[in-house]
Protein backbone atom coordinates (compact mmCIF):
# COMPACT_ATOMS: atom_id res chain seq x y z
CA MET A 1 -7.74 -27.76 -51.11
CA ARG A 2 -7.31 -30.99 -49.18
CA ARG A 3 -9.54 -32.12 -46.56
CA ALA A 4 -7.81 -32.93 -43.25
CA ARG A 5 -7.48 -36.78 -42.79
CA GLN A 6 -9.35 -38.28 -39.79
CA PRO A 7 -7.04 -40.39 -37.71
CA SER A 8 -7.97 -44.09 -37.63
CA PRO A 9 -9.99 -45.37 -34.44
CA ALA A 10 -6.86 -47.11 -33.23
CA ARG A 11 -4.53 -44.00 -33.76
CA GLY A 12 -7.23 -41.93 -32.10
CA ALA A 13 -7.29 -44.24 -28.92
CA ALA A 14 -3.29 -44.00 -28.91
CA ILE A 15 -3.46 -40.16 -28.85
CA ARG A 16 -5.97 -39.99 -26.10
CA ARG A 17 -3.92 -42.47 -24.06
CA ALA A 18 -0.82 -40.47 -24.66
CA ALA A 19 -2.59 -37.23 -23.60
CA ARG A 20 -3.87 -38.91 -20.42
CA ALA A 21 -0.43 -39.98 -19.52
CA ALA A 22 0.91 -36.66 -20.19
CA THR A 23 -1.72 -35.08 -18.07
CA MET A 24 -0.95 -37.35 -15.22
CA ALA A 25 2.88 -36.87 -15.39
CA LEU A 26 2.81 -33.09 -15.43
CA PRO A 27 2.15 -32.76 -11.58
CA LEU A 28 4.59 -35.44 -11.04
CA LEU A 29 7.32 -33.47 -12.76
CA GLY A 30 6.45 -30.31 -10.97
CA TRP A 31 6.66 -32.18 -7.74
CA LEU A 32 10.02 -33.54 -8.57
CA ALA A 33 11.35 -30.04 -9.83
CA GLY A 34 10.54 -28.56 -6.49
CA PRO A 35 9.34 -25.12 -5.77
CA LEU A 36 10.41 -22.30 -7.96
CA PRO A 37 12.85 -20.01 -6.12
CA ALA A 38 11.46 -16.84 -4.73
CA ARG A 39 12.70 -13.43 -4.90
CA ALA A 40 14.76 -12.51 -1.75
CA GLU A 41 12.83 -10.50 0.84
CA ALA A 42 13.93 -7.65 2.89
CA TRP A 43 14.49 -8.43 6.73
CA THR A 44 15.33 -5.79 9.23
CA ASN A 45 17.33 -6.36 12.49
CA LEU A 46 16.81 -4.33 15.68
CA ALA A 47 19.65 -1.98 14.65
CA GLY A 48 17.65 -1.19 11.53
CA GLN A 49 20.06 -2.72 9.10
CA VAL A 50 18.31 -4.59 6.21
CA LEU A 51 19.43 -7.65 4.55
CA GLN A 52 17.81 -9.57 1.40
CA ALA A 53 17.19 -13.25 2.15
CA ASP A 54 14.63 -16.08 1.75
CA PHE A 55 12.90 -17.48 4.73
CA LEU A 56 13.79 -21.30 5.29
CA ASP A 57 12.84 -22.28 8.43
CA TYR A 58 11.90 -21.38 12.14
CA ALA A 59 12.37 -23.79 15.12
CA ALA A 60 13.22 -23.36 18.76
CA GLY A 61 13.54 -19.55 18.53
CA VAL A 62 15.95 -19.53 15.56
CA VAL A 63 15.29 -18.25 12.14
CA ALA A 64 17.02 -19.86 9.19
CA LEU A 65 17.40 -17.36 6.21
CA ALA A 66 19.10 -17.94 2.73
CA ARG A 67 21.05 -15.22 1.25
CA PRO A 68 21.01 -14.85 -2.54
CA ASP A 69 24.57 -16.08 -2.72
CA GLY A 70 23.48 -19.23 -0.89
CA THR A 71 24.90 -18.46 2.61
CA ILE A 72 22.48 -19.45 5.13
CA LEU A 73 22.13 -17.41 8.21
CA ARG A 74 20.83 -18.75 11.54
CA LEU A 75 19.87 -16.03 14.04
CA PRO A 76 17.54 -15.63 17.01
CA LEU A 77 14.08 -14.54 16.48
CA THR A 78 14.52 -11.76 18.87
CA ALA A 79 17.34 -10.29 16.48
CA LEU A 80 14.55 -9.20 14.01
CA CYS A 81 12.41 -6.21 14.33
CA GLU A 82 8.95 -6.66 15.59
CA PRO A 83 7.09 -6.72 12.29
CA ASP A 84 9.53 -9.32 11.04
CA GLN A 85 9.33 -11.47 14.20
CA ARG A 86 5.47 -11.45 13.50
CA ARG A 87 5.98 -12.48 9.80
CA VAL A 88 8.30 -15.42 10.74
CA ARG A 89 5.82 -16.61 13.38
CA ARG A 90 3.01 -16.26 10.72
CA ARG A 91 4.85 -18.34 8.25
CA ALA A 92 5.85 -20.94 10.88
CA GLY A 93 1.94 -21.17 11.69
CA GLU A 94 2.18 -19.97 15.24
CA PRO A 95 -0.40 -17.65 16.56
CA LEU A 96 0.68 -14.06 16.93
CA VAL A 97 -0.10 -13.86 20.46
CA PRO A 98 2.15 -14.06 23.62
CA GLU A 99 2.58 -16.88 25.71
CA PHE A 100 0.08 -15.98 28.40
CA VAL A 101 -2.56 -16.02 25.80
CA ARG A 102 -1.47 -19.42 24.50
CA ALA A 103 -1.44 -20.74 27.98
CA ALA A 104 -4.77 -19.34 28.79
CA HIS A 105 -6.27 -21.04 25.54
CA ARG A 106 -4.51 -24.47 26.67
CA ASP A 107 -6.09 -24.17 30.00
CA ALA A 108 -9.56 -23.50 28.55
CA ALA A 109 -9.24 -26.05 25.98
CA ALA A 110 -8.49 -28.71 28.69
CA LEU A 111 -11.99 -28.20 30.07
CA LEU A 112 -13.55 -29.26 26.87
CA GLN A 113 -11.13 -32.15 26.44
CA ARG A 114 -12.22 -33.41 30.02
CA PHE A 115 -15.72 -32.96 28.89
CA ALA A 116 -15.10 -35.28 25.90
CA GLN A 117 -13.82 -37.96 28.02
CA LEU A 118 -17.19 -38.08 30.18
CA PRO A 119 -19.27 -41.10 29.68
CA ALA A 120 -21.84 -40.66 26.67
CA GLU A 121 -24.87 -40.17 28.86
CA ARG A 122 -23.29 -37.22 30.56
CA ARG A 123 -22.29 -35.40 27.46
CA THR A 124 -25.48 -33.78 26.51
CA PRO A 125 -25.83 -30.76 24.35
CA GLU A 126 -26.88 -28.58 27.22
CA GLU A 127 -23.79 -29.73 29.38
CA ARG A 128 -21.46 -29.13 26.43
CA ALA A 129 -22.92 -25.67 25.96
CA ARG A 130 -22.40 -25.21 29.83
CA VAL A 131 -18.62 -26.35 29.62
CA ALA A 132 -18.05 -24.30 26.56
CA HIS A 133 -19.29 -21.25 28.32
CA MET A 134 -17.04 -21.82 31.37
CA ALA A 135 -13.96 -22.43 29.14
CA GLN A 136 -14.67 -18.96 27.43
CA ALA A 137 -15.16 -17.47 30.65
CA LEU A 138 -11.92 -18.83 32.03
CA PHE A 139 -10.02 -17.75 28.86
CA ASP A 140 -11.52 -14.15 28.98
CA ALA A 141 -10.47 -13.93 32.78
CA ARG A 142 -6.88 -15.02 32.19
CA LEU A 143 -6.53 -12.49 29.21
CA ALA A 144 -7.93 -9.72 31.40
CA ALA A 145 -5.54 -10.54 34.08
CA GLY A 146 -2.68 -10.54 31.57
CA GLY A 147 -3.48 -7.16 29.63
CA ALA A 148 -4.51 -8.79 26.45
CA GLU A 149 -6.51 -5.49 25.48
CA ALA A 150 -3.18 -3.76 24.83
CA LEU A 151 -2.15 -6.01 22.09
CA ASP A 152 -2.10 -4.99 18.34
CA ALA A 153 -4.86 -5.73 15.87
CA GLU A 154 -3.35 -8.69 14.36
CA ALA A 155 -2.84 -10.33 17.85
CA GLN A 156 -6.52 -9.36 18.70
CA SER A 157 -7.58 -11.01 15.57
CA ASP A 158 -5.82 -14.40 16.77
CA ILE A 159 -7.36 -14.02 20.17
CA ARG A 160 -10.87 -13.92 18.67
CA ARG A 161 -10.09 -16.89 16.57
CA LEU A 162 -8.54 -18.90 19.76
CA ARG A 163 -11.80 -17.84 21.77
CA ASP A 164 -14.18 -18.97 19.06
CA SER A 165 -12.37 -22.27 18.92
CA LEU A 166 -13.56 -22.89 22.53
CA ARG A 167 -17.28 -23.08 21.34
């Protein structure tokens, strides 16, 4: 039985360098290759018709979907059923809340932004807590006036997240 031959120190160093180079090249090759194609998803329009397509993009109220044959469909978000509209908004990174909730959050966050612009001697922790309380109260009042309690559970979760961001 023959014993395995040990590589020379120079050869061992060359093998280690090659392994390091390959390890560093793999992420680059993955990046160059791009994402793997996903299986087409089912999308339903308001009439109840289902089509198979991949989500591409959502901007300015228009959804871009790619059919398996490569055809790109561009349609208004409002043409899709409500659950699919939420799925598009979630993928686009938009909150799943109506505009009046987003407007209430913008107005409340503006209070905190104005506080951040005050001179340093006026930005005490106590004052920050007071302004945060005012911002949350403004947000809550605007939501109550808009009927936010009637929104679904997913939207309520986003509302809690938006309110917590005002702390």
